[in-house]
């Protein structure tokens, strides 16, 4: 049995494993602790920097306020 955070991390890994040109994420930091949420936001920012398209939906101020 996996926790919500473990399921979230597994879903993120599955979504990114094949280097998709477009990433769609609904609440990507839900169920994650603060440190891991920041790491995921930084990872997504890096993908954006590589020119990938990100479509995000979130109520988390960390995600919503990130450029």
N, C-alpha and C. Protein backbone atom coordinates (compact mmCIF):
# COMPACT_ATOMS: atom_id res chain seq x y z
N UNK A 1 0.84 -1.17 0.00
CA UNK A 1 0.00 0.00 0.00
C UNK A 1 0.89 1.25 0.00
N UNK A 2 0.70 2.12 -0.97
CA UNK A 2 1.48 3.35 -1.08
C UNK A 2 0.72 4.52 -0.48
N UNK A 3 1.46 5.46 0.09
CA UNK A 3 0.85 6.68 0.61
C UNK A 3 0.49 7.61 -0.55
N UNK A 4 -0.25 8.66 -0.25
CA UNK A 4 -0.61 9.64 -1.28
C UNK A 4 0.61 10.27 -1.91
N UNK A 5 1.61 10.60 -1.09
CA UNK A 5 2.84 11.20 -1.60
C UNK A 5 3.62 10.25 -2.49
N UNK A 6 3.66 8.97 -2.09
CA UNK A 6 4.36 7.97 -2.90
C UNK A 6 3.67 7.78 -4.24
N UNK A 7 2.35 7.75 -4.22
CA UNK A 7 1.59 7.65 -5.48
C UNK A 7 1.84 8.86 -6.37
N UNK A 8 1.89 10.04 -5.75
CA UNK A 8 2.13 11.27 -6.51
C UNK A 8 3.51 11.23 -7.17
N UNK A 9 4.52 10.83 -6.42
CA UNK A 9 5.88 10.75 -6.98
C UNK A 9 5.96 9.74 -8.11
N UNK A 10 5.29 8.59 -7.95
CA UNK A 10 5.28 7.58 -9.00
C UNK A 10 4.59 8.11 -10.26
N UNK A 11 3.50 8.84 -10.08
CA UNK A 11 2.78 9.41 -11.23
C UNK A 11 3.64 10.43 -11.97
N UNK A 12 4.37 11.25 -11.22
CA UNK A 12 5.25 12.24 -11.85
C UNK A 12 6.36 11.54 -12.62
N UNK A 13 6.95 10.52 -12.02
CA UNK A 13 8.01 9.77 -12.71
C UNK A 13 7.49 9.14 -13.99
N UNK A 14 6.31 8.51 -13.93
CA UNK A 14 5.73 7.89 -15.13
C UNK A 14 5.45 8.93 -16.21
N UNK A 15 4.99 10.10 -15.81
CA UNK A 15 4.65 11.15 -16.77
C UNK A 15 5.88 11.71 -17.47
N UNK A 16 7.03 11.68 -16.81
CA UNK A 16 8.22 12.33 -17.37
C UNK A 16 9.24 11.37 -17.96
N UNK A 17 9.07 10.07 -17.76
CA UNK A 17 10.09 9.09 -18.13
C UNK A 17 10.43 9.11 -19.62
N UNK A 18 9.46 9.40 -20.47
CA UNK A 18 9.70 9.38 -21.92
C UNK A 18 9.97 10.76 -22.51
N UNK A 19 10.29 11.73 -21.66
CA UNK A 19 10.60 13.09 -22.11
C UNK A 19 9.54 13.67 -23.05
N UNK A 20 8.30 13.78 -22.60
CA UNK A 20 7.24 14.29 -23.48
C UNK A 20 7.43 15.78 -23.77
N UNK A 21 7.03 16.23 -24.96
CA UNK A 21 7.15 17.65 -25.30
C UNK A 21 6.11 18.51 -24.56
N UNK A 22 5.01 17.89 -24.15
CA UNK A 22 3.95 18.59 -23.42
C UNK A 22 3.69 17.84 -22.12
N UNK A 23 3.66 18.59 -21.02
CA UNK A 23 3.37 18.00 -19.71
C UNK A 23 2.10 18.65 -19.17
N UNK A 24 1.11 17.82 -18.85
CA UNK A 24 -0.13 18.29 -18.25
C UNK A 24 -0.15 17.78 -16.81
N UNK A 25 -0.28 18.69 -15.86
CA UNK A 25 -0.24 18.30 -14.45
C UNK A 25 -1.36 18.98 -13.68
N UNK A 26 -2.19 18.18 -13.05
CA UNK A 26 -3.27 18.67 -12.20
C UNK A 26 -2.83 18.49 -10.75
N UNK A 27 -2.62 19.60 -10.05
CA UNK A 27 -2.16 19.59 -8.66
C UNK A 27 -0.88 18.75 -8.49
N UNK A 28 0.20 19.12 -9.19
CA UNK A 28 1.42 18.30 -9.16
C UNK A 28 2.10 18.21 -7.80
N UNK A 29 1.80 19.12 -6.88
CA UNK A 29 2.44 19.08 -5.57
C UNK A 29 1.50 18.59 -4.47
N UNK A 30 0.30 18.17 -4.84
CA UNK A 30 -0.64 17.65 -3.85
C UNK A 30 -0.03 16.42 -3.18
N UNK A 31 -0.21 16.27 -1.90
CA UNK A 31 0.26 15.11 -1.13
C UNK A 31 1.77 15.07 -0.95
N UNK A 32 2.49 16.13 -1.31
CA UNK A 32 3.94 16.15 -1.14
C UNK A 32 4.32 17.08 0.00
N UNK A 33 5.41 16.75 0.70
CA UNK A 33 5.88 17.66 1.74
C UNK A 33 6.50 18.89 1.08
N UNK A 34 6.77 19.92 1.87
CA UNK A 34 7.25 21.19 1.35
C UNK A 34 8.54 21.09 0.55
N UNK A 35 9.50 20.33 1.05
CA UNK A 35 10.79 20.19 0.36
C UNK A 35 10.62 19.51 -0.99
N UNK A 36 9.88 18.41 -1.02
CA UNK A 36 9.68 17.71 -2.29
C UNK A 36 8.84 18.54 -3.25
N UNK A 37 7.88 19.29 -2.73
CA UNK A 37 7.08 20.16 -3.59
C UNK A 37 7.97 21.19 -4.28
N UNK A 38 8.91 21.77 -3.54
CA UNK A 38 9.84 22.74 -4.14
C UNK A 38 10.71 22.06 -5.21
N UNK A 39 11.14 20.83 -4.95
CA UNK A 39 11.94 20.10 -5.93
C UNK A 39 11.15 19.85 -7.21
N UNK A 40 9.88 19.50 -7.07
CA UNK A 40 9.03 19.25 -8.24
C UNK A 40 8.81 20.55 -9.01
N UNK A 41 8.57 21.65 -8.30
CA UNK A 41 8.40 22.95 -8.97
C UNK A 41 9.68 23.32 -9.71
N UNK A 42 10.83 23.09 -9.11
CA UNK A 42 12.10 23.37 -9.78
C UNK A 42 12.29 22.48 -11.00
N UNK A 43 11.89 21.21 -10.87
CA UNK A 43 11.98 20.28 -12.00
C UNK A 43 11.11 20.77 -13.15
N UNK A 44 9.88 21.17 -12.84
CA UNK A 44 8.97 21.67 -13.87
C UNK A 44 9.51 22.95 -14.51
N UNK A 45 10.11 23.81 -13.70
CA UNK A 45 10.71 25.04 -14.24
C UNK A 45 11.85 24.69 -15.19
N UNK A 46 12.62 23.66 -14.85
CA UNK A 46 13.70 23.22 -15.73
C UNK A 46 13.17 22.70 -17.05
N UNK A 47 12.05 21.98 -17.00
CA UNK A 47 11.44 21.49 -18.24
C UNK A 47 10.98 22.66 -19.10
N UNK A 48 10.41 23.66 -18.45
CA UNK A 48 9.99 24.87 -19.17
C UNK A 48 11.21 25.53 -19.82
N UNK A 49 12.31 25.58 -19.08
CA UNK A 49 13.55 26.16 -19.61
C UNK A 49 14.09 25.41 -20.80
N UNK A 50 13.77 24.12 -20.90
CA UNK A 50 14.19 23.31 -22.04
C UNK A 50 13.28 23.52 -23.25
N UNK A 51 12.23 24.31 -23.07
CA UNK A 51 11.32 24.59 -24.18
C UNK A 51 10.10 23.69 -24.22
N UNK A 52 9.89 22.91 -23.19
CA UNK A 52 8.70 22.06 -23.17
C UNK A 52 7.48 22.88 -22.78
N UNK A 53 6.33 22.43 -23.22
CA UNK A 53 5.08 23.09 -22.89
C UNK A 53 4.53 22.48 -21.60
N UNK A 54 4.18 23.33 -20.64
CA UNK A 54 3.60 22.89 -19.37
C UNK A 54 2.20 23.44 -19.24
N UNK A 55 1.27 22.58 -18.90
CA UNK A 55 -0.10 22.98 -18.59
C UNK A 55 -0.35 22.52 -17.17
N UNK A 56 -0.44 23.48 -16.25
CA UNK A 56 -0.56 23.16 -14.83
C UNK A 56 -1.85 23.72 -14.25
N UNK A 57 -2.41 22.99 -13.32
CA UNK A 57 -3.55 23.44 -12.55
C UNK A 57 -3.20 23.22 -11.09
N UNK A 58 -3.30 24.28 -10.27
CA UNK A 58 -2.92 24.12 -8.87
C UNK A 58 -3.51 25.22 -8.00
N UNK A 59 -3.80 24.87 -6.76
CA UNK A 59 -4.20 25.84 -5.75
C UNK A 59 -3.02 26.17 -4.85
N UNK A 60 -1.91 25.49 -5.03
CA UNK A 60 -0.72 25.67 -4.20
C UNK A 60 -0.03 26.98 -4.59
N UNK A 61 0.11 27.92 -3.66
CA UNK A 61 0.78 29.19 -3.97
C UNK A 61 2.21 29.01 -4.48
N UNK A 62 2.88 27.95 -4.06
CA UNK A 62 4.23 27.67 -4.54
C UNK A 62 4.23 27.46 -6.05
N UNK A 63 3.25 26.72 -6.54
CA UNK A 63 3.16 26.44 -7.98
C UNK A 63 2.60 27.66 -8.71
N UNK A 64 1.52 28.21 -8.19
CA UNK A 64 0.86 29.33 -8.86
C UNK A 64 1.75 30.57 -8.94
N UNK A 65 2.61 30.77 -7.97
CA UNK A 65 3.47 31.95 -7.96
C UNK A 65 4.80 31.77 -8.63
N UNK A 66 5.07 30.57 -9.14
CA UNK A 66 6.37 30.31 -9.78
C UNK A 66 6.32 30.77 -11.23
N UNK A 67 7.35 31.48 -11.67
CA UNK A 67 7.35 31.97 -13.07
C UNK A 67 7.47 30.85 -14.09
